[in-house]
Every structure is written in structure tokens, then in C-alpha cells.
Amino acid sequence: MKKAIGKVVSDRANKSILVAIDRWRWIPKYKKEIKRTTKLMAHDEDNECRLGDLVQVESSRPISKNKAFRMTRIIQAAKIYNAEESLATAASQRALGAQQAAQSGKQRSSPSRGFAAGVEGWT
């Protein structure tokens, strides 16, 4: 059975994922390496893969017209951005900063409006 590691580029279909597998190929004429990408449809029985996950797929019997691979394991899950969680974290950090500033008794200085604003004698 052939095995490959790739990144999930689509998880829209039910029990199916589209995996992009990158490979580098040497071109002797130009003495360069070029990147080639192969996209495979793979079967994901439990719909556990998400966009951006790094997964391992292996060949299997044909499952449908376009699917002849099966996802065997998730190597690395993608980091998912959660806007609500991010806003809550930022608000708590701001509150903590304000509390520390109040405890130290120092007021925050306002930013200067250019170079000449902070220097006396410049008009």
C-alpha cells in the first residue's frame, strides 16, 4: 500500500477530504528543483479532519469514482483561530495592565506627535 503525507485543502464533502501532497522534482536541463502538487481525494470515515491538518493517507480499493485513498491518521491538527476567545484574552490582558499601572502609581505617557513635539525650543 502506498502511503503519503499531505495537507487537507478541503473538508466540505461528507466523509471526504482533499489532500494536497507536495513533492520536489529535479529538472536536469535547467539544474533546478521545481515543486509539484498532487491532490488526492481521501475517505475520512468520522469527519474528524479539518482544513489545514497534516494527515497521512494510504491507497485502498476504489471507494467512489474519485476516491481511492483512505485517511489513516492525523499527524498535526491545524491551529484554529477563535475570534471570541481572542477578544476575551485581549480584554483580560488590558485589564491586568491597567491594574498593574494603578498599583505602581505611574500614569502612562501619551505618545509624542513627531520628533519636534518632544524637544523644547523647536517651533
N, C-alpha and C. Protein backbone atom coordinates (compact mmCIF):
# COMPACT_ATOMS: atom_id res chain seq x y z
N MET A 1 0.83 -1.18 0.00
CA MET A 1 0.00 0.00 0.00
C MET A 1 0.87 1.24 0.00
N LYS A 2 0.52 2.18 -0.86
CA LYS A 2 1.25 3.43 -0.91
C LYS A 2 0.77 4.34 0.21
N LYS A 3 1.73 5.01 0.85
CA LYS A 3 1.40 5.96 1.91
C LYS A 3 1.98 7.31 1.53
N ALA A 4 1.30 8.36 1.92
CA ALA A 4 1.76 9.72 1.64
C ALA A 4 1.30 10.64 2.76
N ILE A 5 2.01 11.74 2.91
CA ILE A 5 1.67 12.75 3.92
C ILE A 5 1.36 14.04 3.18
N GLY A 6 0.24 14.67 3.53
CA GLY A 6 -0.16 15.91 2.87
C GLY A 6 -1.03 16.77 3.77
N LYS A 7 -1.41 17.91 3.23
CA LYS A 7 -2.21 18.88 3.98
C LYS A 7 -3.63 18.88 3.43
N VAL A 8 -4.61 18.95 4.33
CA VAL A 8 -6.01 18.98 3.94
C VAL A 8 -6.32 20.37 3.37
N VAL A 9 -6.78 20.41 2.11
CA VAL A 9 -7.12 21.68 1.49
C VAL A 9 -8.62 21.88 1.36
N SER A 10 -9.40 20.80 1.56
CA SER A 10 -10.85 20.93 1.55
C SER A 10 -11.46 19.80 2.38
N ASP A 11 -12.45 20.18 3.20
CA ASP A 11 -13.17 19.18 4.00
C ASP A 11 -14.68 19.39 3.86
N ARG A 12 -15.10 19.94 2.74
CA ARG A 12 -16.51 20.30 2.56
C ARG A 12 -17.40 19.09 2.35
N ALA A 13 -16.92 18.07 1.65
CA ALA A 13 -17.74 16.92 1.35
C ALA A 13 -17.89 16.02 2.58
N ASN A 14 -19.00 15.32 2.67
CA ASN A 14 -19.25 14.42 3.79
C ASN A 14 -18.38 13.18 3.67
N LYS A 15 -17.61 12.88 4.71
CA LYS A 15 -16.72 11.72 4.79
C LYS A 15 -15.63 11.72 3.73
N SER A 16 -15.31 12.89 3.19
CA SER A 16 -14.25 13.01 2.18
C SER A 16 -13.40 14.23 2.47
N ILE A 17 -12.13 14.12 2.14
CA ILE A 17 -11.22 15.25 2.24
C ILE A 17 -10.38 15.32 0.97
N LEU A 18 -9.90 16.51 0.66
CA LEU A 18 -8.99 16.69 -0.46
C LEU A 18 -7.63 17.01 0.14
N VAL A 19 -6.64 16.18 -0.18
CA VAL A 19 -5.31 16.29 0.41
C VAL A 19 -4.32 16.71 -0.67
N ALA A 20 -3.55 17.75 -0.40
CA ALA A 20 -2.51 18.22 -1.33
C ALA A 20 -1.17 17.67 -0.87
N ILE A 21 -0.49 16.96 -1.76
CA ILE A 21 0.80 16.37 -1.46
C ILE A 21 1.84 17.10 -2.31
N ASP A 22 2.79 17.75 -1.66
CA ASP A 22 3.85 18.47 -2.37
C ASP A 22 5.07 17.58 -2.52
N ARG A 23 5.70 17.69 -3.68
CA ARG A 23 6.94 16.96 -3.93
C ARG A 23 7.84 17.84 -4.78
N TRP A 24 9.14 17.66 -4.63
CA TRP A 24 10.11 18.43 -5.39
C TRP A 24 10.71 17.53 -6.46
N ARG A 25 10.83 18.05 -7.68
CA ARG A 25 11.35 17.28 -8.80
C ARG A 25 12.54 18.01 -9.39
N TRP A 26 13.63 17.28 -9.64
CA TRP A 26 14.84 17.83 -10.21
C TRP A 26 14.72 17.85 -11.73
N ILE A 27 14.98 19.02 -12.34
CA ILE A 27 14.98 19.16 -13.79
C ILE A 27 16.43 19.29 -14.25
N PRO A 28 16.99 18.25 -14.87
CA PRO A 28 18.41 18.28 -15.23
C PRO A 28 18.77 19.37 -16.24
N LYS A 29 17.89 19.63 -17.18
CA LYS A 29 18.18 20.62 -18.22
C LYS A 29 18.43 22.01 -17.62
N TYR A 30 17.59 22.40 -16.65
CA TYR A 30 17.71 23.72 -16.04
C TYR A 30 18.46 23.70 -14.71
N LYS A 31 18.81 22.51 -14.26
CA LYS A 31 19.55 22.33 -13.00
C LYS A 31 18.84 23.04 -11.84
N LYS A 32 17.53 22.79 -11.77
CA LYS A 32 16.71 23.38 -10.71
C LYS A 32 15.73 22.35 -10.19
N GLU A 33 15.24 22.63 -9.00
CA GLU A 33 14.15 21.84 -8.44
C GLU A 33 12.87 22.63 -8.59
N ILE A 34 11.79 21.94 -8.96
CA ILE A 34 10.50 22.60 -9.02
C ILE A 34 9.53 21.83 -8.14
N LYS A 35 8.57 22.56 -7.60
CA LYS A 35 7.59 21.94 -6.71
C LYS A 35 6.38 21.50 -7.51
N ARG A 36 5.96 20.29 -7.30
CA ARG A 36 4.77 19.74 -7.92
C ARG A 36 3.79 19.36 -6.81
N THR A 37 2.51 19.64 -7.06
CA THR A 37 1.48 19.32 -6.08
C THR A 37 0.49 18.34 -6.69
N THR A 38 0.21 17.28 -5.95
CA THR A 38 -0.79 16.30 -6.34
C THR A 38 -1.94 16.39 -5.35
N LYS A 39 -3.16 16.44 -5.86
CA LYS A 39 -4.33 16.50 -4.98
C LYS A 39 -5.07 15.17 -5.06
N LEU A 40 -5.32 14.58 -3.91
CA LEU A 40 -6.00 13.29 -3.82
C LEU A 40 -7.26 13.40 -2.99
N MET A 41 -8.30 12.73 -3.41
CA MET A 41 -9.50 12.59 -2.58
C MET A 41 -9.27 11.41 -1.66
N ALA A 42 -9.56 11.59 -0.38
CA ALA A 42 -9.38 10.52 0.59
C ALA A 42 -10.64 10.37 1.43
N HIS A 43 -10.85 9.15 1.90
CA HIS A 43 -12.02 8.84 2.72
C HIS A 43 -11.71 9.14 4.18
N ASP A 44 -12.61 9.88 4.82
CA ASP A 44 -12.50 10.25 6.24
C ASP A 44 -13.78 9.79 6.92
N GLU A 45 -13.77 8.60 7.45
CA GLU A 45 -14.99 7.96 7.96
C GLU A 45 -15.70 8.77 9.03
N ASP A 46 -14.96 9.35 9.97
CA ASP A 46 -15.57 10.04 11.11
C ASP A 46 -15.66 11.55 10.94
N ASN A 47 -15.32 12.08 9.79
CA ASN A 47 -15.30 13.53 9.55
C ASN A 47 -14.49 14.26 10.61
N GLU A 48 -13.33 13.73 10.96
CA GLU A 48 -12.53 14.33 12.02
C GLU A 48 -11.46 15.29 11.49
N CYS A 49 -11.18 15.29 10.21
CA CYS A 49 -10.17 16.19 9.63
C CYS A 49 -10.75 17.57 9.41
N ARG A 50 -9.91 18.57 9.60
CA ARG A 50 -10.29 19.95 9.37
C ARG A 50 -9.30 20.57 8.38
N LEU A 51 -9.67 21.70 7.84
CA LEU A 51 -8.85 22.42 6.89
C LEU A 51 -7.50 22.76 7.51
N GLY A 52 -6.42 22.43 6.82
CA GLY A 52 -5.07 22.75 7.30
C GLY A 52 -4.40 21.64 8.09
N ASP A 53 -5.10 20.56 8.41
CA ASP A 53 -4.49 19.45 9.13
C ASP A 53 -3.45 18.75 8.28
N LEU A 54 -2.41 18.24 8.91
CA LEU A 54 -1.42 17.42 8.24
C LEU A 54 -1.81 15.97 8.49
N VAL A 55 -2.07 15.21 7.41
CA VAL A 55 -2.60 13.86 7.55
C VAL A 55 -1.77 12.86 6.75
N GLN A 56 -1.91 11.61 7.13
CA GLN A 56 -1.30 10.52 6.37
C GLN A 56 -2.43 9.77 5.67
N VAL A 57 -2.25 9.51 4.38
CA VAL A 57 -3.22 8.76 3.60
C VAL A 57 -2.54 7.53 3.01
N GLU A 58 -3.33 6.49 2.78
CA GLU A 58 -2.79 5.30 2.12
C GLU A 58 -3.79 4.81 1.09
N SER A 59 -3.27 4.15 0.08
CA SER A 59 -4.13 3.68 -1.00
C SER A 59 -5.03 2.55 -0.50
N SER A 60 -6.18 2.43 -1.13
CA SER A 60 -7.13 1.38 -0.78
C SER A 60 -7.90 1.00 -2.03
N ARG A 61 -8.89 0.17 -1.86
CA ARG A 61 -9.74 -0.18 -3.00
C ARG A 61 -10.51 1.07 -3.42
N PRO A 62 -10.97 1.16 -4.65
CA PRO A 62 -11.76 2.32 -5.05
C PRO A 62 -13.04 2.44 -4.22
N ILE A 63 -13.22 3.59 -3.59
CA ILE A 63 -14.38 3.83 -2.75
C ILE A 63 -15.48 4.52 -3.56
N SER A 64 -15.09 5.39 -4.46
CA SER A 64 -16.03 6.05 -5.36
C SER A 64 -15.29 6.37 -6.65
N LYS A 65 -15.90 7.15 -7.50
CA LYS A 65 -15.28 7.48 -8.78
C LYS A 65 -13.92 8.16 -8.60
N ASN A 66 -13.82 9.07 -7.64
CA ASN A 66 -12.59 9.84 -7.45
C ASN A 66 -11.79 9.44 -6.21
N LYS A 67 -12.34 8.60 -5.34
CA LYS A 67 -11.68 8.26 -4.08
C LYS A 67 -11.08 6.86 -4.13
N ALA A 68 -9.76 6.79 -3.96
CA ALA A 68 -9.10 5.50 -3.86
C ALA A 68 -8.06 5.54 -2.74
N PHE A 69 -8.19 6.50 -1.83
CA PHE A 69 -7.29 6.62 -0.69
C PHE A 69 -8.10 6.73 0.58
N ARG A 70 -7.47 6.36 1.69
CA ARG A 70 -8.12 6.39 3.00
C ARG A 70 -7.21 7.14 3.96
N MET A 71 -7.79 8.03 4.74
CA MET A 71 -7.02 8.75 5.75
C MET A 71 -6.74 7.80 6.91
N THR A 72 -5.44 7.64 7.25
CA THR A 72 -5.10 6.71 8.32
C THR A 72 -4.90 7.40 9.67
N ARG A 73 -4.29 8.60 9.65
CA ARG A 73 -4.10 9.30 10.92
C ARG A 73 -3.85 10.78 10.69
N ILE A 74 -4.17 11.56 11.72
CA ILE A 74 -3.88 12.99 11.70
C ILE A 74 -2.53 13.18 12.39
N ILE A 75 -1.57 13.71 11.66
CA ILE A 75 -0.24 13.90 12.21
C ILE A 75 -0.19 15.17 13.05
N GLN A 76 -0.74 16.26 12.51
CA GLN A 76 -0.74 17.53 13.24
C GLN A 76 -2.04 18.27 12.93
N ALA A 77 -2.77 18.61 13.96
CA ALA A 77 -4.03 19.34 13.79
C ALA A 77 -3.72 20.81 13.53
N ALA A 78 -4.55 21.44 12.70
CA ALA A 78 -4.37 22.85 12.38
C ALA A 78 -4.78 23.71 13.57
N LYS A 79 -4.09 24.82 13.72
CA LYS A 79 -4.44 25.76 14.77
C LYS A 79 -5.63 26.58 14.30
N ILE A 80 -6.70 26.56 15.07
CA ILE A 80 -7.93 27.23 14.68
C ILE A 80 -8.04 28.55 15.42
N TYR A 81 -8.31 29.62 14.68
CA TYR A 81 -8.46 30.95 15.26
C TYR A 81 -9.90 31.11 15.75
N ASN A 82 -10.06 31.44 17.01
CA ASN A 82 -11.37 31.66 17.60
C ASN A 82 -11.46 33.14 17.98
N ALA A 83 -12.30 33.90 17.28
CA ALA A 83 -12.38 35.35 17.48
C ALA A 83 -12.85 35.69 18.89
N GLU A 84 -13.85 34.99 19.41
CA GLU A 84 -14.38 35.30 20.75
C GLU A 84 -13.32 35.06 21.83
N GLU A 85 -12.60 33.96 21.70
CA GLU A 85 -11.56 33.65 22.67
C GLU A 85 -10.43 34.68 22.61
N SER A 86 -10.08 35.10 21.41
CA SER A 86 -9.03 36.08 21.22
C SER A 86 -9.41 37.43 21.83
N LEU A 87 -10.66 37.86 21.64
CA LEU A 87 -11.12 39.12 22.22
C LEU A 87 -11.14 39.05 23.74
N ALA A 88 -11.56 37.92 24.29
CA ALA A 88 -11.60 37.77 25.74
C ALA A 88 -10.19 37.82 26.33
N THR A 89 -9.23 37.19 25.66
CA THR A 89 -7.85 37.20 26.13
C THR A 89 -7.28 38.61 26.08
N ALA A 90 -7.55 39.32 24.99
CA ALA A 90 -7.04 40.70 24.86
C ALA A 90 -7.65 41.60 25.94
N ALA A 91 -8.94 41.46 26.22
CA ALA A 91 -9.60 42.28 27.24
C ALA A 91 -9.02 42.00 28.62
N SER A 92 -8.76 40.74 28.93
CA SER A 92 -8.20 40.41 30.24
C SER A 92 -6.78 40.94 30.38
N GLN A 93 -6.00 40.91 29.29
CA GLN A 93 -4.64 41.44 29.35
C GLN A 93 -4.66 42.96 29.53
N ARG A 94 -5.60 43.65 28.88
CA ARG A 94 -5.73 45.09 29.06
C ARG A 94 -6.10 45.43 30.50
N ALA A 95 -7.03 44.68 31.07
CA ALA A 95 -7.46 44.92 32.45
C ALA A 95 -6.31 44.68 33.42
N LEU A 96 -5.54 43.65 33.15
CA LEU A 96 -4.39 43.34 34.01
C LEU A 96 -3.34 44.44 33.91
N GLY A 97 -3.10 44.96 32.71
CA GLY A 97 -2.14 46.05 32.52
C GLY A 97 -2.59 47.32 33.24
N ALA A 98 -3.88 47.62 33.17
CA ALA A 98 -4.41 48.80 33.86
C ALA A 98 -4.31 48.64 35.37
N GLN A 99 -4.54 47.45 35.85
CA GLN A 99 -4.46 47.18 37.29
C GLN A 99 -3.02 47.33 37.77
N GLN A 100 -2.07 46.84 37.02
CA GLN A 100 -0.66 46.95 37.39
C GLN A 100 -0.20 48.41 37.36
N ALA A 101 -0.69 49.16 36.39
CA ALA A 101 -0.33 50.58 36.30
C ALA A 101 -0.89 51.35 37.49
N ALA A 102 -2.10 51.02 37.92
CA ALA A 102 -2.70 51.69 39.07
C ALA A 102 -1.95 51.35 40.36
N GLN A 103 -1.49 50.14 40.47
CA GLN A 103 -0.76 49.73 41.66
C GLN A 103 0.61 50.40 41.75
N SER A 104 1.25 50.58 40.62
CA SER A 104 2.58 51.19 40.63
C SER A 104 2.50 52.71 40.77
N GLY A 105 1.33 53.31 40.53
CA GLY A 105 1.15 54.75 40.70
C GLY A 105 1.67 55.55 39.53
N LYS A 106 2.07 54.91 38.49
CA LYS A 106 2.58 55.63 37.32
C LYS A 106 1.47 55.76 36.30
N GLN A 107 1.43 56.93 35.70
CA GLN A 107 0.47 57.13 34.62
C GLN A 107 1.19 56.88 33.30
N ARG A 108 0.44 56.42 32.36
CA ARG A 108 1.03 56.15 31.06
C ARG A 108 1.21 57.47 30.33
N SER A 109 2.38 57.63 29.73
CA SER A 109 2.64 58.87 28.99
C SER A 109 1.96 58.78 27.63
N SER A 110 1.50 59.93 27.15
CA SER A 110 0.86 59.95 25.84
C SER A 110 1.95 59.95 24.78
N PRO A 111 1.70 59.36 23.65
CA PRO A 111 2.72 59.31 22.61
C PRO A 111 2.96 60.71 22.04
N SER A 112 4.23 61.02 21.72
CA SER A 112 4.55 62.32 21.16
C SER A 112 4.06 62.41 19.73
N ARG A 113 3.84 63.61 19.29
CA ARG A 113 3.33 63.82 17.93
C ARG A 113 4.46 64.22 17.01
N GLY A 114 5.39 63.37 16.84
CA GLY A 114 6.50 63.65 15.95
C GLY A 114 7.75 63.98 16.74
N PHE A 115 8.83 64.22 16.02
CA PHE A 115 10.12 64.47 16.64
C PHE A 115 10.17 65.79 17.37
N ALA A 116 9.67 66.85 16.76
CA ALA A 116 9.80 68.19 17.32
C ALA A 116 8.91 68.41 18.53
N ALA A 117 7.87 67.62 18.71
CA ALA A 117 6.96 67.84 19.83
C ALA A 117 7.61 67.57 21.16
N GLY A 118 8.59 66.67 21.21
CA GLY A 118 9.22 66.34 22.48
C GLY A 118 10.43 67.18 22.80
N VAL A 119 10.88 68.06 21.91
CA VAL A 119 12.10 68.84 22.12
C VAL A 119 11.73 70.31 22.34
N GLU A 120 12.26 70.90 23.41
CA GLU A 120 11.98 72.30 23.68
C GLU A 120 12.78 73.17 22.73
N GLY A 121 12.25 74.30 22.38
CA GLY A 121 12.95 75.23 21.52
C GLY A 121 12.66 75.03 20.04
N TRP A 122 12.02 73.98 19.68
CA TRP A 122 11.66 73.73 18.29
C TRP A 122 10.27 74.26 18.03
N THR A 123 10.13 75.04 17.04
CA THR A 123 8.80 75.53 16.68
C THR A 123 8.54 75.39 15.22
